[in-house]
Amino acid sequence: MLTRTSTIALLAAIAAAPAMAQDASVAPTTEGVAPGGTLAAQNIVAMDDWRYDEIYAGGMSAEEFIDEYEVYGAAGEEIGDVEDVIVGADGRILAVVAEIGGFIDIGDTHVAVPWDEVEMAVGEQAITIPVTEDTIDDYGVFGTGYYGDDYGVGGDVAATGAVVEQEVVTGLDDAELGPRAYRVSEIIGDYARIRGDDDTPRNYGYVNDVILSEGRVQAVVVSADTAYGRGAYAYPYYGPYGYAGGWGTSYGYGTGAYYDLPYGESEIGGAEPFEYERLGGDM
């Protein structure tokens, strides 16, 4: 049987997230969700003040979590694998999506387990969830239990159209969709852009990872194009589409076609490469 540790401390951080103090080494907090699903009232973290220290100390690669972590049942038996992470529009982790099977007659199926019911294994790439054959119907991939005022993002937050189209969530009509909750894997692979001198967008690279810490998304890791020195660089999280912020809206910033960063070439020039081997957290 796996040795497990509860995530009570992390859940406390989730509950307190709206009141979290601004810190240059963590992603900016917000005061709400704009109608399009982007974060409102954002403060830009200056690159001169942005540090990786807290991310290294408590951060975890979402890509590693999705690709490598196994799922165990309450009795300690392996029942599946992590498939994705559902995050609210304000960046907080709402649920873990897992593909499970072997102990039920219907074969492999997907479940979404609220974050406060997930336990991380100590020293192993694994989580434990309370799903059993008797309770599996309580863990459908779409459930209003993850969304609403308890998470500080307003009521009736629903899944995005992209989630519905990819059949990770079914049975929804477009009219039912509210401010976006999303799957972390939707961001990974997006092209990233920076801000040109005249506010026109500049292609910069692509998002190759998302860093999770203290029950929320803390940073996005961008693999820079050769024109910007290549390598991986971490930036503050500004919502599922990046930063919209009111500037350059005619160029499509913050609309979801790209992941947009609120920085110019001169600002990113001094960024330090992100060192994955220094990550030491378990979310």
C-alpha atoms as a PDB file:
ATOM      1  CA  MET A   1       0.000   0.000   0.000  1.00  0.00           C
ATOM      2  CA  LEU A   2       1.241   3.462  -0.792  1.00  0.00           C
ATOM      3  CA  THR A   3       2.364   5.845   1.927  1.00  0.00           C
ATOM      4  CA  ARG A   4       0.237   8.953   1.493  1.00  0.00           C
ATOM      5  CA  THR A   5       0.137  12.511   2.757  1.00  0.00           C
ATOM      6  CA  SER A   6      -2.971  14.662   2.809  1.00  0.00           C
ATOM      7  CA  THR A   7      -3.211  17.922   0.924  1.00  0.00           C
ATOM      8  CA  ILE A   8      -4.903  19.826   3.763  1.00  0.00           C
ATOM      9  CA  ALA A   9      -2.286  22.565   3.801  1.00  0.00           C
ATOM     10  CA  LEU A  10      -2.548  23.006   0.074  1.00  0.00           C
ATOM     11  CA  LEU A  11      -6.330  23.168   0.240  1.00  0.00           C
ATOM     12  CA  ALA A  12      -6.071  25.879   2.846  1.00  0.00           C
ATOM     13  CA  ALA A  13      -3.945  27.813   0.378  1.00  0.00           C
ATOM     14  CA  ILE A  14      -6.644  27.336  -2.267  1.00  0.00           C
ATOM     15  CA  ALA A  15      -9.343  28.632   0.055  1.00  0.00           C
ATOM     16  CA  ALA A  16      -7.265  31.664   0.916  1.00  0.00           C
ATOM     17  CA  ALA A  17      -6.122  32.371  -2.623  1.00  0.00           C
ATOM     18  CA  PRO A  18      -8.227  35.488  -3.307  1.00  0.00           C
ATOM     19  CA  ALA A  19      -6.564  37.196  -0.338  1.00  0.00           C
ATOM     20  CA  MET A  20      -3.028  36.094  -1.223  1.00  0.00           C
ATOM     21  CA  ALA A  21      -0.574  38.960  -1.043  1.00  0.00           C
ATOM     22  CA  GLN A  22       1.174  40.077  -4.184  1.00  0.00           C
ATOM     23  CA  ASP A  23       4.644  38.647  -4.462  1.00  0.00           C
ATOM     24  CA  ALA A  24       7.053  39.025  -7.351  1.00  0.00           C
ATOM     25  CA  SER A  25       7.845  35.298  -7.277  1.00  0.00           C
ATOM     26  CA  VAL A  26       4.267  34.083  -7.656  1.00  0.00           C
ATOM     27  CA  ALA A  27       1.595  34.720 -10.246  1.00  0.00           C
ATOM     28  CA  PRO A  28      -0.527  37.848  -9.804  1.00  0.00           C
ATOM     29  CA  THR A  29      -3.879  37.517  -8.073  1.00  0.00           C
ATOM     30  CA  THR A  30      -7.054  38.874  -9.628  1.00  0.00           C
ATOM     31  CA  GLU A  31     -10.308  40.462  -8.610  1.00  0.00           C
ATOM     32  CA  GLY A  32     -12.603  38.563 -10.928  1.00  0.00           C
ATOM     33  CA  VAL A  33     -13.218  37.031 -14.283  1.00  0.00           C
ATOM     34  CA  ALA A  34     -13.941  39.101 -17.347  1.00  0.00           C
ATOM     35  CA  PRO A  35     -16.865  38.089 -19.603  1.00  0.00           C
ATOM     36  CA  GLY A  36     -14.577  36.460 -22.152  1.00  0.00           C
ATOM     37  CA  GLY A  37     -13.033  34.230 -19.514  1.00  0.00           C
ATOM     38  CA  THR A  38      -9.804  36.180 -19.127  1.00  0.00           C
ATOM     39  CA  LEU A  39      -8.666  37.441 -15.769  1.00  0.00           C
ATOM     40  CA  ALA A  40      -9.693  40.973 -14.822  1.00  0.00           C
ATOM     41  CA  ALA A  41      -7.845  43.654 -12.820  1.00  0.00           C
ATOM     42  CA  GLN A  42      -4.489  42.030 -13.355  1.00  0.00           C
ATOM     43  CA  ASN A  43      -1.255  43.541 -12.200  1.00  0.00           C
ATOM     44  CA  ILE A  44       1.694  42.941 -14.451  1.00  0.00           C
ATOM     45  CA  VAL A  45       4.690  41.486 -12.633  1.00  0.00           C
ATOM     46  CA  ALA A  46       7.770  43.341 -13.825  1.00  0.00           C
ATOM     47  CA  MET A  47      10.393  41.001 -15.228  1.00  0.00           C
ATOM     48  CA  ASP A  48      13.048  42.741 -13.126  1.00  0.00           C
ATOM     49  CA  ASP A  49      11.118  41.607 -10.028  1.00  0.00           C
ATOM     50  CA  TRP A  50      10.141  38.134 -11.240  1.00  0.00           C
ATOM     51  CA  ARG A  51      11.993  35.323  -9.449  1.00  0.00           C
ATOM     52  CA  TYR A  52      11.878  31.545  -9.719  1.00  0.00           C
ATOM     53  CA  ASP A  53      12.767  30.814  -6.079  1.00  0.00           C
ATOM     54  CA  GLU A  54       9.291  29.937  -4.780  1.00  0.00           C
ATOM     55  CA  ILE A  55       8.418  28.072  -7.956  1.00  0.00           C
ATOM     56  CA  TYR A  56      11.523  25.925  -7.593  1.00  0.00           C
ATOM     57  CA  ALA A  57      10.762  25.305  -3.928  1.00  0.00           C
ATOM     58  CA  GLY A  58       7.115  24.281  -4.274  1.00  0.00           C
ATOM     59  CA  GLY A  59       6.333  23.973  -7.967  1.00  0.00           C
ATOM     60  CA  MET A  60       5.529  20.939 -10.039  1.00  0.00           C
ATOM     61  CA  SER A  61       5.445  20.350 -13.792  1.00  0.00           C
ATOM     62  CA  ALA A  62       1.881  19.846 -15.014  1.00  0.00           C
ATOM     63  CA  GLU A  63       3.184  17.976 -18.045  1.00  0.00           C
ATOM     64  CA  GLU A  64       5.002  15.510 -15.793  1.00  0.00           C
ATOM     65  CA  PHE A  65       1.937  15.155 -13.588  1.00  0.00           C
ATOM     66  CA  ILE A  66      -0.280  14.365 -16.595  1.00  0.00           C
ATOM     67  CA  ASP A  67       2.194  12.108 -18.396  1.00  0.00           C
ATOM     68  CA  GLU A  68       3.821  10.204 -15.545  1.00  0.00           C
ATOM     69  CA  TYR A  69       1.539   9.948 -12.506  1.00  0.00           C
ATOM     70  CA  GLU A  70      -0.405   6.786 -11.719  1.00  0.00           C
ATOM     71  CA  VAL A  71      -3.710   6.663  -9.881  1.00  0.00           C
ATOM     72  CA  TYR A  72      -4.452   4.423  -6.910  1.00  0.00           C
ATOM     73  CA  GLY A  73      -7.692   3.585  -5.171  1.00  0.00           C
ATOM     74  CA  ALA A  74      -8.413   3.906  -1.473  1.00  0.00           C
ATOM     75  CA  ALA A  75      -7.330   0.311  -0.851  1.00  0.00           C
ATOM     76  CA  GLY A  76      -3.901   0.931  -2.399  1.00  0.00           C
ATOM     77  CA  GLU A  77      -4.539  -0.792  -5.728  1.00  0.00           C
ATOM     78  CA  GLU A  78      -3.459   0.809  -9.003  1.00  0.00           C
ATOM     79  CA  ILE A  79      -6.573   1.746 -10.967  1.00  0.00           C
ATOM     80  CA  GLY A  80      -5.418   4.111 -13.713  1.00  0.00           C
ATOM     81  CA  ASP A  81      -3.456   7.169 -14.796  1.00  0.00           C
ATOM     82  CA  VAL A  82      -3.728  10.944 -14.534  1.00  0.00           C
ATOM     83  CA  GLU A  83      -5.129  12.390 -17.759  1.00  0.00           C
ATOM     84  CA  ASP A  84      -5.510  16.108 -17.086  1.00  0.00           C
ATOM     85  CA  VAL A  85      -6.079  18.880 -14.560  1.00  0.00           C
ATOM     86  CA  ILE A  86      -9.147  21.131 -14.565  1.00  0.00           C
ATOM     87  CA  VAL A  87      -8.379  24.714 -13.550  1.00  0.00           C
ATOM     88  CA  GLY A  88     -10.805  27.537 -12.833  1.00  0.00           C
ATOM     89  CA  ALA A  89     -10.699  30.829 -14.668  1.00  0.00           C
ATOM     90  CA  ASP A  90      -8.855  32.333 -11.702  1.00  0.00           C
ATOM     91  CA  GLY A  91      -6.050  29.760 -11.914  1.00  0.00           C
ATOM     92  CA  ARG A  92      -7.021  27.516  -9.019  1.00  0.00           C
ATOM     93  CA  ILE A  93      -6.999  23.747  -9.426  1.00  0.00           C
ATOM     94  CA  LEU A  94     -10.556  22.418  -9.342  1.00  0.00           C
ATOM     95  CA  ALA A  95     -10.183  18.749 -10.180  1.00  0.00           C
ATOM     96  CA  VAL A  96      -7.926  16.008 -11.532  1.00  0.00           C
ATOM     97  CA  VAL A  97      -9.138  14.010 -14.535  1.00  0.00           C
ATOM     98  CA  ALA A  98      -8.101  10.355 -14.447  1.00  0.00           C
ATOM     99  CA  GLU A  99      -8.634   7.377 -16.716  1.00  0.00           C
ATOM    100  CA  ILE A 100      -9.467   4.409 -14.546  1.00  0.00           C
ATOM    101  CA  GLY A 101     -10.573   0.817 -15.051  1.00  0.00           C
ATOM    102  CA  GLY A 102      -9.982  -2.748 -14.012  1.00  0.00           C
ATOM    103  CA  PHE A 103     -12.315  -2.807 -11.040  1.00  0.00           C
ATOM    104  CA  ILE A 104     -15.552  -1.937 -12.851  1.00  0.00           C
ATOM    105  CA  ASP A 105     -17.528  -3.887 -15.440  1.00  0.00           C
ATOM    106  CA  ILE A 106     -17.859  -1.040 -17.941  1.00  0.00           C
ATOM    107  CA  GLY A 107     -14.156  -0.933 -18.789  1.00  0.00           C
ATOM    108  CA  ASP A 108     -11.922   2.122 -18.798  1.00  0.00           C
ATOM    109  CA  THR A 109     -13.621   5.438 -18.130  1.00  0.00           C
ATOM    110  CA  HIS A 110     -12.752   9.007 -17.191  1.00  0.00           C
ATOM    111  CA  VAL A 111     -13.521  10.555 -13.838  1.00  0.00           C
ATOM    112  CA  ALA A 112     -12.948  14.036 -12.435  1.00  0.00           C
ATOM    113  CA  VAL A 113     -12.043  14.116  -8.760  1.00  0.00           C
ATOM    114  CA  PRO A 114     -12.301  17.437  -6.867  1.00  0.00           C
ATOM    115  CA  TRP A 115      -8.882  18.641  -5.793  1.00  0.00           C
ATOM    116  CA  ASP A 116      -9.771  18.462  -2.112  1.00  0.00           C
ATOM    117  CA  GLU A 117     -10.280  14.699  -2.460  1.00  0.00           C
ATOM    118  CA  VAL A 118      -6.926  14.006  -4.126  1.00  0.00           C
ATOM    119  CA  GLU A 119      -3.977  12.800  -2.057  1.00  0.00           C
ATOM    120  CA  MET A 120      -0.396  12.904  -3.280  1.00  0.00           C
ATOM    121  CA  ALA A 121       1.812   9.880  -2.655  1.00  0.00           C
ATOM    122  CA  VAL A 122       4.972  10.521  -0.643  1.00  0.00           C
ATOM    123  CA  GLY A 123       8.090  10.107  -2.769  1.00  0.00           C
ATOM    124  CA  GLU A 124       6.234   8.456  -5.655  1.00  0.00           C
ATOM    125  CA  GLN A 125       4.673   9.609  -8.904  1.00  0.00           C
ATOM    126  CA  ALA A 126       1.169   8.702  -7.849  1.00  0.00           C
ATOM    127  CA  ILE A 127      -2.060  10.024  -6.395  1.00  0.00           C
ATOM    128  CA  THR A 128      -4.841   8.356  -4.447  1.00  0.00           C
ATOM    129  CA  ILE A 129      -8.504   9.060  -5.162  1.00  0.00           C
ATOM    130  CA  PRO A 130     -11.619   7.849  -3.297  1.00  0.00           C
ATOM    131  CA  VAL A 131     -13.372   6.464  -6.390  1.00  0.00           C
ATOM    132  CA  THR A 132     -14.837   2.977  -6.029  1.00  0.00           C
ATOM    133  CA  GLU A 133     -17.293   0.917  -8.046  1.00  0.00           C
ATOM    134  CA  ASP A 134     -20.003   2.141  -5.694  1.00  0.00           C
ATOM    135  CA  THR A 135     -19.101   5.842  -5.918  1.00  0.00           C
ATOM    136  CA  ILE A 136     -17.933   6.216  -9.523  1.00  0.00           C
ATOM    137  CA  ASP A 137     -21.201   7.842 -10.585  1.00  0.00           C
ATOM    138  CA  ASP A 138     -20.390  10.737  -8.257  1.00  0.00           C
ATOM    139  CA  TYR A 139     -17.264  11.628 -10.235  1.00  0.00           C
ATOM    140  CA  GLY A 140     -18.474  12.423 -13.729  1.00  0.00           C
ATOM    141  CA  VAL A 141     -16.043  14.522 -15.757  1.00  0.00           C
ATOM    142  CA  PHE A 142     -18.450  17.448 -15.738  1.00  0.00           C
ATOM    143  CA  GLY A 143     -19.982  18.400 -12.409  1.00  0.00           C
ATOM    144  CA  THR A 144     -21.206  21.723 -11.089  1.00  0.00           C
ATOM    145  CA  GLY A 145     -19.648  20.823  -7.745  1.00  0.00           C
ATOM    146  CA  TYR A 146     -16.265  22.104  -8.987  1.00  0.00           C
ATOM    147  CA  TYR A 147     -17.600  25.434 -10.153  1.00  0.00           C
ATOM    148  CA  GLY A 148     -19.202  28.317  -8.324  1.00  0.00           C
ATOM    149  CA  ASP A 149     -18.888  30.844  -5.546  1.00  0.00           C
ATOM    150  CA  ASP A 150     -16.838  28.544  -3.297  1.00  0.00           C
ATOM    151  CA  TYR A 151     -13.942  29.070  -5.697  1.00  0.00           C
ATOM    152  CA  GLY A 152     -14.287  32.830  -5.907  1.00  0.00           C
ATOM    153  CA  VAL A 153     -15.116  32.952  -9.595  1.00  0.00           C
ATOM    154  CA  GLY A 154     -18.860  33.574  -9.471  1.00  0.00           C
ATOM    155  CA  GLY A 155     -21.654  31.103  -9.981  1.00  0.00           C
ATOM    156  CA  ASP A 156     -22.285  28.696 -12.813  1.00  0.00           C
ATOM    157  CA  VAL A 157     -18.769  28.566 -14.193  1.00  0.00           C
ATOM    158  CA  ALA A 158     -18.905  25.934 -16.892  1.00  0.00           C
ATOM    159  CA  ALA A 159     -16.514  24.162 -19.234  1.00  0.00           C
ATOM    160  CA  THR A 160     -15.284  25.698 -22.453  1.00  0.00           C
ATOM    161  CA  GLY A 161     -16.419  24.949 -25.944  1.00  0.00           C
ATOM    162  CA  ALA A 162     -13.042  23.364 -26.654  1.00  0.00           C
ATOM    163  CA  VAL A 163     -13.613  20.894 -23.838  1.00  0.00           C
ATOM    164  CA  VAL A 164     -17.029  19.986 -25.203  1.00  0.00           C
ATOM    165  CA  GLU A 165     -15.786  19.617 -28.759  1.00  0.00           C
ATOM    166  CA  GLN A 166     -13.067  17.226 -27.652  1.00  0.00           C
ATOM    167  CA  GLU A 167     -15.668  15.162 -25.792  1.00  0.00           C
ATOM    168  CA  VAL A 168     -13.869  15.338 -22.495  1.00  0.00           C
ATOM    169  CA  VAL A 169     -17.112  16.843 -21.276  1.00  0.00           C
ATOM    170  CA  THR A 170     -20.356  15.839 -22.937  1.00  0.00           C
ATOM    171  CA  GLY A 171     -23.994  16.807 -22.845  1.00  0.00           C
ATOM    172  CA  LEU A 172     -23.487  20.576 -22.880  1.00  0.00           C
ATOM    173  CA  ASP A 173     -25.026  23.155 -25.155  1.00  0.00           C
ATOM    174  CA  ASP A 174     -23.012  26.240 -26.125  1.00  0.00           C
ATOM    175  CA  ALA A 175     -25.608  28.417 -24.403  1.00  0.00           C
ATOM    176  CA  GLU A 176     -24.714  26.784 -21.094  1.00  0.00           C
ATOM    177  CA  LEU A 177     -21.064  27.746 -21.232  1.00  0.00           C
ATOM    178  CA  GLY A 178     -19.946  30.393 -18.764  1.00  0.00           C
ATOM    179  CA  PRO A 179     -16.577  31.998 -17.856  1.00  0.00           C
ATOM    180  CA  ARG A 180     -14.095  29.368 -18.748  1.00  0.00           C
ATOM    181  CA  ALA A 181     -12.789  26.590 -16.653  1.00  0.00           C
ATOM    182  CA  TYR A 182     -10.277  24.690 -18.725  1.00  0.00           C
ATOM    183  CA  ARG A 183      -7.953  21.737 -18.960  1.00  0.00           C
ATOM    184  CA  VAL A 184      -4.255  22.470 -18.396  1.00  0.00           C
ATOM    185  CA  SER A 185      -3.451  20.516 -21.545  1.00  0.00           C
ATOM    186  CA  GLU A 186      -5.299  23.189 -23.537  1.00  0.00           C
ATOM    187  CA  ILE A 187      -2.533  25.704 -22.762  1.00  0.00           C
ATOM    188  CA  ILE A 188       0.416  23.367 -23.314  1.00  0.00           C
ATOM    189  CA  GLY A 189       1.385  23.580 -26.969  1.00  0.00           C
ATOM    190  CA  ASP A 190      -0.084  27.057 -27.577  1.00  0.00           C
ATOM    191  CA  TYR A 191       2.071  29.507 -29.482  1.00  0.00           C
ATOM    192  CA  ALA A 192       3.275  32.328 -27.250  1.00  0.00           C
ATOM    193  CA  ARG A 193       3.529  35.966 -28.271  1.00  0.00           C
ATOM    194  CA  ILE A 194       5.153  39.043 -26.790  1.00  0.00           C
ATOM    195  CA  ARG A 195       4.344  42.709 -27.250  1.00  0.00           C
ATOM    196  CA  GLY A 196       5.971  44.668 -30.049  1.00  0.00           C
ATOM    197  CA  ASP A 197       7.075  48.288 -29.733  1.00  0.00           C
ATOM    198  CA  ASP A 198       3.898  49.455 -31.485  1.00  0.00           C
ATOM    199  CA  ASP A 199       1.695  46.941 -29.609  1.00  0.00           C
ATOM    200  CA  THR A 200       1.662  44.573 -32.569  1.00  0.00           C
ATOM    201  CA  PRO A 201       2.227  40.961 -31.493  1.00  0.00           C
ATOM    202  CA  ARG A 202       5.557  39.221 -31.975  1.00  0.00           C
ATOM    203  CA  ASN A 203       5.824  35.452 -32.188  1.00  0.00           C
ATOM    204  CA  TYR A 204       8.044  34.301 -29.337  1.00  0.00           C
ATOM    205  CA  GLY A 205       7.820  30.515 -28.948  1.00  0.00           C
ATOM    206  CA  TYR A 206       5.350  28.005 -27.562  1.00  0.00           C
ATOM    207  CA  VAL A 207       4.097  26.987 -24.137  1.00  0.00           C
ATOM    208  CA  ASN A 208       5.681  23.659 -23.277  1.00  0.00           C
ATOM    209  CA  ASP A 209       4.579  23.395 -19.652  1.00  0.00           C
ATOM    210  CA  VAL A 210       2.548  24.883 -16.816  1.00  0.00           C
ATOM    211  CA  ILE A 211       3.877  25.032 -13.260  1.00  0.00           C
ATOM    212  CA  LEU A 212       1.452  24.157 -10.458  1.00  0.00           C
ATOM    213  CA  SER A 213       2.032  25.213  -6.860  1.00  0.00           C
ATOM    214  CA  GLU A 214      -0.073  25.816  -3.752  1.00  0.00           C
ATOM    215  CA  GLY A 215      -3.177  24.503  -5.461  1.00  0.00           C
ATOM    216  CA  ARG A 216      -3.049  26.832  -8.452  1.00  0.00           C
ATOM    217  CA  VAL A 217      -1.251  27.656 -11.683  1.00  0.00           C
ATOM    218  CA  GLN A 218       1.780  29.796 -10.858  1.00  0.00           C
ATOM    219  CA  ALA A 219       3.650  30.048 -14.150  1.00  0.00           C
ATOM    220  CA  VAL A 220       3.799  29.057 -17.780  1.00  0.00           C
ATOM    221  CA  VAL A 221       7.035  27.770 -19.273  1.00  0.00           C
ATOM    222  CA  VAL A 222       7.742  28.936 -22.799  1.00  0.00           C
ATOM    223  CA  SER A 223      10.211  27.349 -25.183  1.00  0.00           C
ATOM    224  CA  ALA A 224      11.636  30.409 -26.925  1.00  0.00           C
ATOM    225  CA  ASP A 225      12.305  30.576 -30.644  1.00  0.00           C
ATOM    226  CA  THR A 226      15.887  30.681 -31.891  1.00  0.00           C
ATOM    227  CA  ALA A 227      15.581  34.432 -32.465  1.00  0.00           C
ATOM    228  CA  TYR A 228      15.282  34.843 -28.686  1.00  0.00           C
ATOM    229  CA  GLY A 229      18.063  32.516 -27.666  1.00  0.00           C
ATOM    230  CA  ARG A 230      16.086  29.273 -27.437  1.00  0.00           C
ATOM    231  CA  GLY A 231      15.724  27.482 -24.110  1.00  0.00           C
ATOM    232  CA  ALA A 232      12.866  27.381 -21.575  1.00  0.00           C
ATOM    233  CA  TYR A 233      11.752  30.454 -19.616  1.00  0.00           C
ATOM    234  CA  ALA A 234       9.024  30.724 -16.982  1.00  0.00           C
ATOM    235  CA  TYR A 235       6.599  33.643 -16.859  1.00  0.00           C
ATOM    236  CA  PRO A 236       3.803  34.651 -14.480  1.00  0.00           C
ATOM    237  CA  TYR A 237       0.430  33.121 -15.218  1.00  0.00           C
ATOM    238  CA  TYR A 238      -2.056  35.638 -16.615  1.00  0.00           C
ATOM    239  CA  GLY A 239      -5.062  33.433 -17.251  1.00  0.00           C
ATOM    240  CA  PRO A 240      -5.951  30.769 -19.804  1.00  0.00           C
ATOM    241  CA  TYR A 241      -5.369  33.109 -22.769  1.00  0.00           C
ATOM    242  CA  GLY A 242      -2.518  35.115 -21.337  1.00  0.00           C
ATOM    243  CA  TYR A 243      -2.726  38.844 -20.695  1.00  0.00           C
ATOM    244  CA  ALA A 244      -5.425  40.963 -22.332  1.00  0.00           C
ATOM    245  CA  GLY A 245      -5.239  44.019 -20.099  1.00  0.00           C
ATOM    246  CA  GLY A 246      -6.822  46.563 -22.427  1.00  0.00           C
ATOM    247  CA  TRP A 247      -3.899  47.255 -24.747  1.00  0.00           C
ATOM    248  CA  GLY A 248      -3.656  46.051 -28.312  1.00  0.00           C
ATOM    249  CA  THR A 249      -7.128  44.486 -28.319  1.00  0.00           C
ATOM    250  CA  SER A 250      -7.442  45.121 -32.045  1.00  0.00           C
ATOM    251  CA  TYR A 251      -4.561  42.676 -32.518  1.00  0.00           C
ATOM    252  CA  GLY A 252      -6.404  39.872 -30.763  1.00  0.00           C
ATOM    253  CA  TYR A 253      -4.463  39.795 -27.505  1.00  0.00           C
ATOM    254  CA  GLY A 254      -6.045  37.584 -24.883  1.00  0.00           C
ATOM    255  CA  THR A 255      -8.576  35.987 -27.233  1.00  0.00           C
ATOM    256  CA  GLY A 256      -7.300  32.435 -27.004  1.00  0.00           C
ATOM    257  CA  ALA A 257      -5.677  32.121 -30.429  1.00  0.00           C
ATOM    258  CA  TYR A 258      -2.260  32.430 -28.760  1.00  0.00           C
ATOM    259  CA  TYR A 259      -0.818  32.668 -25.262  1.00  0.00           C
ATOM    260  CA  ASP A 260      -0.035  36.365 -24.898  1.00  0.00           C
ATOM    261  CA  LEU A 261       2.591  37.753 -22.541  1.00  0.00           C
ATOM    262  CA  PRO A 262       2.583  41.443 -21.526  1.00  0.00           C
ATOM    263  CA  TYR A 263       6.294  41.898 -22.145  1.00  0.00           C
ATOM    264  CA  GLY A 264       8.396  43.434 -24.873  1.00  0.00           C
ATOM    265  CA  GLU A 265      11.660  42.200 -26.336  1.00  0.00           C
ATOM    266  CA  SER A 266      13.756  44.361 -24.034  1.00  0.00           C
ATOM    267  CA  GLU A 267      11.954  42.979 -20.970  1.00  0.00           C
ATOM    268  CA  ILE A 268      12.397  39.306 -21.811  1.00  0.00           C
ATOM    269  CA  GLY A 269      16.016  39.765 -22.813  1.00  0.00           C
ATOM    270  CA  GLY A 270      17.232  39.433 -19.240  1.00  0.00           C
ATOM    271  CA  ALA A 271      15.136  36.396 -18.337  1.00  0.00           C
ATOM    272  CA  GLU A 272      16.968  33.511 -16.687  1.00  0.00           C
ATOM    273  CA  PRO A 273      16.607  30.026 -18.220  1.00  0.00           C
ATOM    274  CA  PHE A 274      14.223  27.802 -16.299  1.00  0.00           C
ATOM    275  CA  GLU A 275      15.916  24.765 -14.716  1.00  0.00           C
ATOM    276  CA  TYR A 276      13.515  21.845 -14.382  1.00  0.00           C
ATOM    277  CA  GLU A 277      15.875  19.846 -12.210  1.00  0.00           C
ATOM    278  CA  ARG A 278      15.400  22.409  -9.438  1.00  0.00           C
ATOM    279  CA  LEU A 279      11.659  21.805  -9.117  1.00  0.00           C
ATOM    280  CA  GLY A 280      10.970  20.234  -5.747  1.00  0.00           C
ATOM    281  CA  GLY A 281       7.232  20.407  -5.113  1.00  0.00           C
ATOM    282  CA  ASP A 282       4.255  18.049  -5.069  1.00  0.00           C
ATOM    283  CA  MET A 283       1.598  20.753  -5.607  1.00  0.00           C
END
